[in-house]
Amino acid sequence: MPPPTDEEVPHIAAIKRSVEAGFEFRALRGADGLAIAVLHAERRGNEVVETYTVQAMTEAVAARFRAEDYPTGNPLWQEHGTVEEVITALLALPPHGAPGDL
């Protein structure tokens, strides 16, 4: 496997930070039961589920849901952008229920 390019390095670093913060990768499945070709990670705790999904370095989405609303409800917070941007924003959110929370 070739080493990451300079362009890939900050996105890979953000993914590593998310794993250190407790995110775990999950397979997403379509209605037909087949896996969808994206990278998806979740972290559960304190009555919320936080997720991010990556289609490409420049196409990612992160969200925080109430646990009872996940996966079909509306998120409390959502961000679109590059992998680095959305993971950084997600990890910067205050803990659910803390001052400054959504």
PDB file of N, CA and C in Angstrom:
ATOM      1  N   MET A   1       0.848  -1.165   0.000  1.00  0.00           N
ATOM      2  CA  MET A   1       0.000   0.000   0.000  1.00  0.00           C
ATOM      3  C   MET A   1       0.905   1.243   0.000  1.00  0.00           C
ATOM      4  N   PRO A   2       0.647   2.175  -0.894  1.00  0.00           N
ATOM      5  CA  PRO A   2       1.494   3.378  -0.956  1.00  0.00           C
ATOM      6  C   PRO A   2       1.245   4.282   0.257  1.00  0.00           C
ATOM      7  N   PRO A   3       2.233   5.076   0.627  1.00  0.00           N
ATOM      8  CA  PRO A   3       2.030   6.009   1.743  1.00  0.00           C
ATOM      9  C   PRO A   3       0.980   7.049   1.362  1.00  0.00           C
ATOM     10  N   PRO A   4       0.306   7.624   2.352  1.00  0.00           N
ATOM     11  CA  PRO A   4      -0.710   8.637   2.041  1.00  0.00           C
ATOM     12  C   PRO A   4      -0.071   9.869   1.399  1.00  0.00           C
ATOM     13  N   THR A   5      -0.850  10.507   0.554  1.00  0.00           N
ATOM     14  CA  THR A   5      -0.402  11.751  -0.065  1.00  0.00           C
ATOM     15  C   THR A   5      -0.520  12.884   0.945  1.00  0.00           C
ATOM     16  N   ASP A   6       0.135  14.002   0.653  1.00  0.00           N
ATOM     17  CA  ASP A   6       0.020  15.176   1.527  1.00  0.00           C
ATOM     18  C   ASP A   6      -1.432  15.597   1.691  1.00  0.00           C
ATOM     19  N   GLU A   7      -2.222  15.425   0.638  1.00  0.00           N
ATOM     20  CA  GLU A   7      -3.642  15.787   0.690  1.00  0.00           C
ATOM     21  C   GLU A   7      -4.428  14.857   1.624  1.00  0.00           C
ATOM     22  N   GLU A   8      -4.052  13.597   1.680  1.00  0.00           N
ATOM     23  CA  GLU A   8      -4.772  12.614   2.491  1.00  0.00           C
ATOM     24  C   GLU A   8      -4.416  12.668   3.974  1.00  0.00           C
ATOM     25  N   VAL A   9      -3.220  13.120   4.302  1.00  0.00           N
ATOM     26  CA  VAL A   9      -2.706  13.066   5.683  1.00  0.00           C
ATOM     27  C   VAL A   9      -3.650  13.692   6.707  1.00  0.00           C
ATOM     28  N   PRO A  10      -4.188  14.930   6.521  1.00  0.00           N
ATOM     29  CA  PRO A  10      -5.045  15.495   7.570  1.00  0.00           C
ATOM     30  C   PRO A  10      -6.358  14.734   7.749  1.00  0.00           C
ATOM     31  N   HIS A  11      -6.866  14.132   6.688  1.00  0.00           N
ATOM     32  CA  HIS A  11      -8.118  13.374   6.783  1.00  0.00           C
ATOM     33  C   HIS A  11      -7.893  12.063   7.527  1.00  0.00           C
ATOM     34  N   ILE A  12      -6.775  11.410   7.255  1.00  0.00           N
ATOM     35  CA  ILE A  12      -6.437  10.177   7.961  1.00  0.00           C
ATOM     36  C   ILE A  12      -6.187  10.470   9.437  1.00  0.00           C
ATOM     37  N   ALA A  13      -5.522  11.581   9.726  1.00  0.00           N
ATOM     38  CA  ALA A  13      -5.281  11.968  11.121  1.00  0.00           C
ATOM     39  C   ALA A  13      -6.600  12.206  11.853  1.00  0.00           C
ATOM     40  N   ALA A  14      -7.570  12.826  11.189  1.00  0.00           N
ATOM     41  CA  ALA A  14      -8.882  13.067  11.805  1.00  0.00           C
ATOM     42  C   ALA A  14      -9.594  11.749  12.094  1.00  0.00           C
ATOM     43  N   ILE A  15      -9.518  10.801  11.178  1.00  0.00           N
ATOM     44  CA  ILE A  15     -10.130   9.492  11.412  1.00  0.00           C
ATOM     45  C   ILE A  15      -9.463   8.810  12.601  1.00  0.00           C
ATOM     46  N   LYS A  16      -8.149   8.890  12.688  1.00  0.00           N
ATOM     47  CA  LYS A  16      -7.439   8.301  13.836  1.00  0.00           C
ATOM     48  C   LYS A  16      -7.885   8.952  15.144  1.00  0.00           C
ATOM     49  N   ARG A  17      -8.048  10.293  15.154  1.00  0.00           N
ATOM     50  CA  ARG A  17      -8.531  10.980  16.369  1.00  0.00           C
ATOM     51  C   ARG A  17      -9.913  10.477  16.758  1.00  0.00           C
ATOM     52  N   SER A  18     -10.769  10.231  15.753  1.00  0.00           N
ATOM     53  CA  SER A  18     -12.124   9.760  16.059  1.00  0.00           C
ATOM     54  C   SER A  18     -12.089   8.379  16.700  1.00  0.00           C
ATOM     55  N   VAL A  19     -11.222   7.510  16.219  1.00  0.00           N
ATOM     56  CA  VAL A  19     -11.103   6.168  16.810  1.00  0.00           C
ATOM     57  C   VAL A  19     -10.606   6.289  18.248  1.00  0.00           C
ATOM     58  N   GLU A  20      -9.629   7.156  18.485  1.00  0.00           N
ATOM     59  CA  GLU A  20      -9.135   7.386  19.849  1.00  0.00           C
ATOM     60  C   GLU A  20     -10.230   7.938  20.759  1.00  0.00           C
ATOM     61  N   ALA A  21     -11.207   8.643  20.168  1.00  0.00           N
ATOM     62  CA  ALA A  21     -12.314   9.217  20.934  1.00  0.00           C
ATOM     63  C   ALA A  21     -13.485   8.247  21.086  1.00  0.00           C
ATOM     64  N   GLY A  22     -13.334   7.024  20.597  1.00  0.00           N
ATOM     65  CA  GLY A  22     -14.355   6.008  20.835  1.00  0.00           C
ATOM     66  C   GLY A  22     -15.254   5.669  19.662  1.00  0.00           C
ATOM     67  N   PHE A  23     -15.007   6.208  18.483  1.00  0.00           N
ATOM     68  CA  PHE A  23     -15.826   5.862  17.325  1.00  0.00           C
ATOM     69  C   PHE A  23     -15.456   4.473  16.829  1.00  0.00           C
ATOM     70  N   GLU A  24     -16.477   3.729  16.395  1.00  0.00           N
ATOM     71  CA  GLU A  24     -16.291   2.387  15.859  1.00  0.00           C
ATOM     72  C   GLU A  24     -16.915   2.330  14.475  1.00  0.00           C
ATOM     73  N   PHE A  25     -16.276   1.599  13.574  1.00  0.00           N
ATOM     74  CA  PHE A  25     -16.767   1.501  12.209  1.00  0.00           C
ATOM     75  C   PHE A  25     -17.877   0.473  12.107  1.00  0.00           C
ATOM     76  N   ARG A  26     -18.873   0.779  11.287  1.00  0.00           N
ATOM     77  CA  ARG A  26     -20.036  -0.078  11.069  1.00  0.00           C
ATOM     78  C   ARG A  26     -20.267  -0.220   9.562  1.00  0.00           C
ATOM     79  N   ALA A  27     -20.815  -1.355   9.155  1.00  0.00           N
ATOM     80  CA  ALA A  27     -21.212  -1.546   7.762  1.00  0.00           C
ATOM     81  C   ALA A  27     -22.611  -0.968   7.577  1.00  0.00           C
ATOM     82  N   LEU A  28     -22.771  -0.149   6.562  1.00  0.00           N
ATOM     83  CA  LEU A  28     -24.104   0.344   6.206  1.00  0.00           C
ATOM     84  C   LEU A  28     -24.660  -0.553   5.119  1.00  0.00           C
ATOM     85  N   ARG A  29     -25.920  -0.883   5.220  1.00  0.00           N
ATOM     86  CA  ARG A  29     -26.560  -1.763   4.236  1.00  0.00           C
ATOM     87  C   ARG A  29     -27.729  -1.044   3.581  1.00  0.00           C
ATOM     88  N   GLY A  30     -27.888  -1.256   2.295  1.00  0.00           N
ATOM     89  CA  GLY A  30     -29.002  -0.705   1.551  1.00  0.00           C
ATOM     90  C   GLY A  30     -30.250  -1.534   1.775  1.00  0.00           C
ATOM     91  N   ALA A  31     -31.343  -1.107   1.168  1.00  0.00           N
ATOM     92  CA  ALA A  31     -32.615  -1.821   1.308  1.00  0.00           C
ATOM     93  C   ALA A  31     -32.514  -3.257   0.796  1.00  0.00           C
ATOM     94  N   ASP A  32     -31.594  -3.497  -0.137  1.00  0.00           N
ATOM     95  CA  ASP A  32     -31.406  -4.835  -0.685  1.00  0.00           C
ATOM     96  C   ASP A  32     -30.531  -5.722   0.200  1.00  0.00           C
ATOM     97  N   GLY A  33     -30.034  -5.164   1.314  1.00  0.00           N
ATOM     98  CA  GLY A  33     -29.207  -5.920   2.234  1.00  0.00           C
ATOM     99  C   GLY A  33     -27.730  -5.921   1.899  1.00  0.00           C
ATOM    100  N   LEU A  34     -27.367  -5.337   0.771  1.00  0.00           N
ATOM    101  CA  LEU A  34     -25.961  -5.290   0.375  1.00  0.00           C
ATOM    102  C   LEU A  34     -25.269  -4.108   1.023  1.00  0.00           C
ATOM    103  N   ALA A  35     -23.994  -4.272   1.324  1.00  0.00           N
ATOM    104  CA  ALA A  35     -23.222  -3.199   1.941  1.00  0.00           C
ATOM    105  C   ALA A  35     -23.080  -2.030   0.971  1.00  0.00           C
ATOM    106  N   ILE A  36     -23.143  -0.824   1.512  1.00  0.00           N
ATOM    107  CA  ILE A  36     -22.963   0.400   0.739  1.00  0.00           C
ATOM    108  C   ILE A  36     -21.498   0.796   0.846  1.00  0.00           C
ATOM    109  N   ALA A  37     -20.922   1.227  -0.273  1.00  0.00           N
ATOM    110  CA  ALA A  37     -19.480   1.532  -0.318  1.00  0.00           C
ATOM    111  C   ALA A  37     -19.182   2.912   0.248  1.00  0.00           C
ATOM    112  N   VAL A  38     -19.220   3.027   1.577  1.00  0.00           N
ATOM    113  CA  VAL A  38     -18.835   4.241   2.286  1.00  0.00           C
ATOM    114  C   VAL A  38     -18.166   3.816   3.592  1.00  0.00           C
ATOM    115  N   LEU A  39     -17.474   4.742   4.209  1.00  0.00           N
ATOM    116  CA  LEU A  39     -16.907   4.520   5.530  1.00  0.00           C
ATOM    117  C   LEU A  39     -17.871   5.161   6.524  1.00  0.00           C
ATOM    118  N   HIS A  40     -18.334   4.394   7.494  1.00  0.00           N
ATOM    119  CA  HIS A  40     -19.311   4.893   8.468  1.00  0.00           C
ATOM    120  C   HIS A  40     -18.825   4.531   9.865  1.00  0.00           C
ATOM    121  N   ALA A  41     -18.871   5.509  10.778  1.00  0.00           N
ATOM    122  CA  ALA A  41     -18.460   5.279  12.164  1.00  0.00           C
ATOM    123  C   ALA A  41     -19.501   5.849  13.109  1.00  0.00           C
ATOM    124  N   GLU A  42     -19.631   5.215  14.268  1.00  0.00           N
ATOM    125  CA  GLU A  42     -20.595   5.641  15.290  1.00  0.00           C
ATOM    126  C   GLU A  42     -19.934   5.648  16.656  1.00  0.00           C
ATOM    127  N   ARG A  43     -20.477   6.513  17.514  1.00  0.00           N
ATOM    128  CA  ARG A  43     -20.107   6.522  18.935  1.00  0.00           C
ATOM    129  C   ARG A  43     -21.414   6.730  19.700  1.00  0.00           C
ATOM    130  N   ARG A  44     -21.668   5.856  20.651  1.00  0.00           N
ATOM    131  CA  ARG A  44     -22.905   5.925  21.442  1.00  0.00           C
ATOM    132  C   ARG A  44     -22.570   6.267  22.888  1.00  0.00           C
ATOM    133  N   GLY A  45     -23.431   7.071  23.483  1.00  0.00           N
ATOM    134  CA  GLY A  45     -23.249   7.392  24.886  1.00  0.00           C
ATOM    135  C   GLY A  45     -24.053   8.596  25.308  1.00  0.00           C
ATOM    136  N   ASN A  46     -24.340   8.680  26.586  1.00  0.00           N
ATOM    137  CA  ASN A  46     -25.026   9.825  27.180  1.00  0.00           C
ATOM    138  C   ASN A  46     -26.268  10.232  26.394  1.00  0.00           C
ATOM    139  N   GLU A  47     -27.087   9.245  26.030  1.00  0.00           N
ATOM    140  CA  GLU A  47     -28.375   9.462  25.376  1.00  0.00           C
ATOM    141  C   GLU A  47     -28.282   9.978  23.947  1.00  0.00           C
ATOM    142  N   VAL A  48     -27.090   9.918  23.336  1.00  0.00           N
ATOM    143  CA  VAL A  48     -26.946  10.338  21.946  1.00  0.00           C
ATOM    144  C   VAL A  48     -26.145   9.302  21.156  1.00  0.00           C
ATOM    145  N   VAL A  49     -26.319   9.387  19.839  1.00  0.00           N
ATOM    146  CA  VAL A  49     -25.494   8.626  18.899  1.00  0.00           C
ATOM    147  C   VAL A  49     -24.853   9.650  17.975  1.00  0.00           C
ATOM    148  N   GLU A  50     -23.539   9.600  17.875  1.00  0.00           N
ATOM    149  CA  GLU A  50     -22.811  10.490  16.981  1.00  0.00           C
ATOM    150  C   GLU A  50     -22.256   9.638  15.843  1.00  0.00           C
ATOM    151  N   THR A  51     -22.345  10.157  14.629  1.00  0.00           N
ATOM    152  CA  THR A  51     -21.932   9.396  13.464  1.00  0.00           C
ATOM    153  C   THR A  51     -21.173  10.276  12.479  1.00  0.00           C
ATOM    154  N   TYR A  52     -20.391   9.624  11.649  1.00  0.00           N
ATOM    155  CA  TYR A  52     -19.913  10.276  10.436  1.00  0.00           C
ATOM    156  C   TYR A  52     -19.836   9.248   9.323  1.00  0.00           C
ATOM    157  N   THR A  53     -20.079   9.736   8.106  1.00  0.00           N
ATOM    158  CA  THR A  53     -20.060   8.902   6.923  1.00  0.00           C
ATOM    159  C   THR A  53     -19.198   9.587   5.876  1.00  0.00           C
ATOM    160  N   VAL A  54     -18.313   8.814   5.267  1.00  0.00           N
ATOM    161  CA  VAL A  54     -17.353   9.343   4.300  1.00  0.00           C
ATOM    162  C   VAL A  54     -17.570   8.667   2.951  1.00  0.00           C
ATOM    163  N   GLN A  55     -17.754   9.487   1.916  1.00  0.00           N
ATOM    164  CA  GLN A  55     -17.795   8.956   0.548  1.00  0.00           C
ATOM    165  C   GLN A  55     -16.489   9.238  -0.179  1.00  0.00           C
ATOM    166  N   ALA A  56     -15.856  10.345   0.164  1.00  0.00           N
ATOM    167  CA  ALA A  56     -14.574  10.749  -0.422  1.00  0.00           C
ATOM    168  C   ALA A  56     -13.948  11.752   0.538  1.00  0.00           C
ATOM    169  N   MET A  57     -12.694  12.111   0.324  1.00  0.00           N
ATOM    170  CA  MET A  57     -12.033  13.072   1.216  1.00  0.00           C
ATOM    171  C   MET A  57     -12.804  14.382   1.321  1.00  0.00           C
ATOM    172  N   THR A  58     -13.467  14.770   0.247  1.00  0.00           N
ATOM    173  CA  THR A  58     -14.186  16.049   0.230  1.00  0.00           C
ATOM    174  C   THR A  58     -15.688  15.883   0.387  1.00  0.00           C
ATOM    175  N   GLU A  59     -16.157  14.670   0.629  1.00  0.00           N
ATOM    176  CA  GLU A  59     -17.588  14.402   0.767  1.00  0.00           C
ATOM    177  C   GLU A  59     -17.856  13.585   2.025  1.00  0.00           C
ATOM    178  N   ALA A  60     -18.136  14.293   3.123  1.00  0.00           N
ATOM    179  CA  ALA A  60     -18.402  13.618   4.387  1.00  0.00           C
ATOM    180  C   ALA A  60     -19.518  14.351   5.123  1.00  0.00           C
ATOM    181  N   VAL A  61     -20.187  13.631   5.995  1.00  0.00           N
ATOM    182  CA  VAL A  61     -21.233  14.216   6.827  1.00  0.00           C
ATOM    183  C   VAL A  61     -21.098  13.637   8.229  1.00  0.00           C
ATOM    184  N   ALA A  62     -21.267  14.500   9.227  1.00  0.00           N
ATOM    185  CA  ALA A  62     -21.261  14.072  10.626  1.00  0.00           C
ATOM    186  C   ALA A  62     -22.568  14.545  11.252  1.00  0.00           C
ATOM    187  N   ALA A  63     -23.021  13.810  12.270  1.00  0.00           N
ATOM    188  CA  ALA A  63     -24.283  14.177  12.912  1.00  0.00           C
ATOM    189  C   ALA A  63     -24.320  13.671  14.343  1.00  0.00           C
ATOM    190  N   ARG A  64     -25.140  14.357  15.145  1.00  0.00           N
ATOM    191  CA  ARG A  64     -25.461  13.909  16.503  1.00  0.00           C
ATOM    192  C   ARG A  64     -26.972  13.748  16.565  1.00  0.00           C
ATOM    193  N   PHE A  65     -27.412  12.583  17.037  1.00  0.00           N
ATOM    194  CA  PHE A  65     -28.831  12.257  17.156  1.00  0.00           C
ATOM    195  C   PHE A  65     -29.170  11.953  18.608  1.00  0.00           C
ATOM    196  N   ARG A  66     -30.396  12.204  19.011  1.00  0.00           N
ATOM    197  CA  ARG A  66     -30.884  11.605  20.255  1.00  0.00           C
ATOM    198  C   ARG A  66     -30.923  10.101  20.010  1.00  0.00           C
ATOM    199  N   ALA A  67     -30.546   9.327  20.999  1.00  0.00           N
ATOM    200  CA  ALA A  67     -30.504   7.864  20.829  1.00  0.00           C
ATOM    201  C   ALA A  67     -31.844   7.328  20.353  1.00  0.00           C
ATOM    202  N   GLU A  68     -32.944   7.856  20.878  1.00  0.00           N
ATOM    203  CA  GLU A  68     -34.268   7.349  20.497  1.00  0.00           C
ATOM    204  C   GLU A  68     -34.662   7.752  19.078  1.00  0.00           C
ATOM    205  N   ASP A  69     -33.984   8.731  18.488  1.00  0.00           N
ATOM    206  CA  ASP A  69     -34.292   9.171  17.124  1.00  0.00           C
ATOM    207  C   ASP A  69     -33.414   8.498  16.066  1.00  0.00           C
ATOM    208  N   TYR A  70     -32.372   7.805  16.503  1.00  0.00           N
ATOM    209  CA  TYR A  70     -31.422   7.219  15.556  1.00  0.00           C
ATOM    210  C   TYR A  70     -31.896   5.853  15.097  1.00  0.00           C
ATOM    211  N   PRO A  71     -31.860   5.537  13.817  1.00  0.00           N
ATOM    212  CA  PRO A  71     -31.218   6.232  12.719  1.00  0.00           C
ATOM    213  C   PRO A  71     -32.160   7.017  11.809  1.00  0.00           C
ATOM    214  N   THR A  72     -33.458   6.978  12.073  1.00  0.00           N
ATOM    215  CA  THR A  72     -34.388   7.553  11.099  1.00  0.00           C
ATOM    216  C   THR A  72     -34.859   8.964  11.429  1.00  0.00           C
ATOM    217  N   GLY A  73     -34.589   9.457  12.617  1.00  0.00           N
ATOM    218  CA  GLY A  73     -35.057  10.785  13.012  1.00  0.00           C
ATOM    219  C   GLY A  73     -34.141  11.901  12.546  1.00  0.00           C
ATOM    220  N   ASN A  74     -34.526  13.103  12.883  1.00  0.00           N
ATOM    221  CA  ASN A  74     -33.726  14.276  12.537  1.00  0.00           C
ATOM    222  C   ASN A  74     -32.571  14.437  13.519  1.00  0.00           C
ATOM    223  N   PRO A  75     -31.409  14.818  13.017  1.00  0.00           N
ATOM    224  CA  PRO A  75     -30.266  15.020  13.919  1.00  0.00           C
ATOM    225  C   PRO A  75     -30.416  16.293  14.735  1.00  0.00           C
ATOM    226  N   LEU A  76     -29.782  16.304  15.906  1.00  0.00           N
ATOM    227  CA  LEU A  76     -29.695  17.519  16.716  1.00  0.00           C
ATOM    228  C   LEU A  76     -28.718  18.500  16.081  1.00  0.00           C
ATOM    229  N   TRP A  77     -27.713  17.949  15.412  1.00  0.00           N
ATOM    230  CA  TRP A  77     -26.640  18.730  14.792  1.00  0.00           C
ATOM    231  C   TRP A  77     -26.147  17.942  13.587  1.00  0.00           C
ATOM    232  N   GLN A  78     -25.743  18.677  12.536  1.00  0.00           N
ATOM    233  CA  GLN A  78     -25.222  18.014  11.342  1.00  0.00           C
ATOM    234  C   GLN A  78     -24.245  18.941  10.641  1.00  0.00           C
ATOM    235  N   GLU A  79     -23.222  18.364  10.035  1.00  0.00           N
ATOM    236  CA  GLU A  79     -22.202  19.138   9.324  1.00  0.00           C
ATOM    237  C   GLU A  79     -21.796  18.387   8.058  1.00  0.00           C
ATOM    238  N   HIS A  80     -21.650  19.112   6.956  1.00  0.00           N
ATOM    239  CA  HIS A  80     -21.163  18.550   5.695  1.00  0.00           C
ATOM    240  C   HIS A  80     -19.836  19.202   5.353  1.00  0.00           C
ATOM    241  N   GLY A  81     -18.947  18.471   4.713  1.00  0.00           N
ATOM    242  CA  GLY A  81     -17.677  19.047   4.281  1.00  0.00           C
ATOM    243  C   GLY A  81     -16.651  17.970   4.035  1.00  0.00           C
ATOM    244  N   THR A  82     -15.388  18.337   4.209  1.00  0.00           N
ATOM    245  CA  THR A  82     -14.321  17.362   4.059  1.00  0.00           C
ATOM    246  C   THR A  82     -14.286  16.457   5.285  1.00  0.00           C
ATOM    247  N   VAL A  83     -13.583  15.359   5.163  1.00  0.00           N
ATOM    248  CA  VAL A  83     -13.452  14.437   6.292  1.00  0.00           C
ATOM    249  C   VAL A  83     -12.867  15.165   7.499  1.00  0.00           C
ATOM    250  N   GLU A  84     -11.785  15.878   7.296  1.00  0.00           N
ATOM    251  CA  GLU A  84     -11.150  16.596   8.409  1.00  0.00           C
ATOM    252  C   GLU A  84     -12.105  17.601   9.044  1.00  0.00           C
ATOM    253  N   GLU A  85     -12.837  18.351   8.225  1.00  0.00           N
ATOM    254  CA  GLU A  85     -13.747  19.377   8.759  1.00  0.00           C
ATOM    255  C   GLU A  85     -14.854  18.781   9.610  1.00  0.00           C
ATOM    256  N   VAL A  86     -15.518  17.744   9.104  1.00  0.00           N
ATOM    257  CA  VAL A  86     -16.673  17.226   9.834  1.00  0.00           C
ATOM    258  C   VAL A  86     -16.267  16.482  11.104  1.00  0.00           C
ATOM    259  N   ILE A  87     -15.170  15.741  11.046  1.00  0.00           N
ATOM    260  CA  ILE A  87     -14.726  15.032  12.250  1.00  0.00           C
ATOM    261  C   ILE A  87     -14.239  16.031  13.300  1.00  0.00           C
ATOM    262  N   THR A  88     -13.499  17.032  12.880  1.00  0.00           N
ATOM    263  CA  THR A  88     -13.026  18.054  13.823  1.00  0.00           C
ATOM    264  C   THR A  88     -14.205  18.754  14.480  1.00  0.00           C
ATOM    265  N   ALA A  89     -15.215  19.123  13.701  1.00  0.00           N
ATOM    266  CA  ALA A  89     -16.404  19.788  14.251  1.00  0.00           C
ATOM    267  C   ALA A  89     -17.154  18.864  15.211  1.00  0.00           C
ATOM    268  N   LEU A  90     -17.296  17.601  14.855  1.00  0.00           N
ATOM    269  CA  LEU A  90     -17.995  16.643  15.712  1.00  0.00           C
ATOM    270  C   LEU A  90     -17.269  16.446  17.034  1.00  0.00           C
ATOM    271  N   LEU A  91     -15.962  16.293  16.972  1.00  0.00           N
ATOM    272  CA  LEU A  91     -15.197  16.089  18.204  1.00  0.00           C
ATOM    273  C   LEU A  91     -15.150  17.342  19.079  1.00  0.00           C
ATOM    274  N   ALA A  92     -15.415  18.505  18.497  1.00  0.00           N
ATOM    275  CA  ALA A  92     -15.402  19.768  19.259  1.00  0.00           C
ATOM    276  C   ALA A  92     -16.737  20.049  19.957  1.00  0.00           C
ATOM    277  N   LEU A  93     -17.780  19.284  19.639  1.00  0.00           N
ATOM    278  CA  LEU A  93     -19.074  19.519  20.290  1.00  0.00           C
ATOM    279  C   LEU A  93     -18.957  19.292  21.793  1.00  0.00           C
ATOM    280  N   PRO A  94     -19.663  20.106  22.581  1.00  0.00           N
ATOM    281  CA  PRO A  94     -19.689  19.838  24.025  1.00  0.00           C
ATOM    282  C   PRO A  94     -20.445  18.540  24.290  1.00  0.00           C
ATOM    283  N   PRO A  95     -20.151  17.881  25.384  1.00  0.00           N
ATOM    284  CA  PRO A  95     -20.905  16.668  25.713  1.00  0.00           C
ATOM    285  C   PRO A  95     -22.398  16.960  25.766  1.00  0.00           C
ATOM    286  N   HIS A  96     -23.188  15.996  25.375  1.00  0.00           N
ATOM    287  CA  HIS A  96     -24.643  16.165  25.397  1.00  0.00           C
ATOM    288  C   HIS A  96     -25.109  16.511  26.808  1.00  0.00           C
ATOM    289  N   GLY A  97     -25.901  17.549  26.925  1.00  0.00           N
ATOM    290  CA  GLY A  97     -26.429  17.981  28.207  1.00  0.00           C
ATOM    291  C   GLY A  97     -25.547  18.980  28.931  1.00  0.00           C
ATOM    292  N   ALA A  98     -24.337  19.216  28.426  1.00  0.00           N
ATOM    293  CA  ALA A  98     -23.414  20.179  29.056  1.00  0.00           C
ATOM    294  C   ALA A  98     -23.779  21.590  28.624  1.00  0.00           C
ATOM    295  N   PRO A  99     -23.340  22.609  29.381  1.00  0.00           N
ATOM    296  CA  PRO A  99     -23.569  23.988  28.935  1.00  0.00           C
ATOM    297  C   PRO A  99     -23.012  24.183  27.520  1.00  0.00           C
ATOM    298  N   GLY A 100     -23.770  24.859  26.704  1.00  0.00           N
ATOM    299  CA  GLY A 100     -23.354  25.094  25.319  1.00  0.00           C
ATOM    300  C   GLY A 100     -23.788  23.988  24.369  1.00  0.00           C
ATOM    301  N   ASP A 101     -24.417  22.924  24.903  1.00  0.00           N
ATOM    302  CA  ASP A 101     -24.909  21.830  24.049  1.00  0.00           C
ATOM    303  C   ASP A 101     -26.031  22.348  23.168  1.00  0.00           C
ATOM    304  N   LEU A 102     -26.328  21.599  22.143  1.00  0.00           N
ATOM    305  CA  LEU A 102     -27.313  21.984  21.135  1.00  0.00           C
ATOM    306  C   LEU A 102     -28.701  22.086  21.684  1.00  0.00           C
TER     307      LEU A 102
END
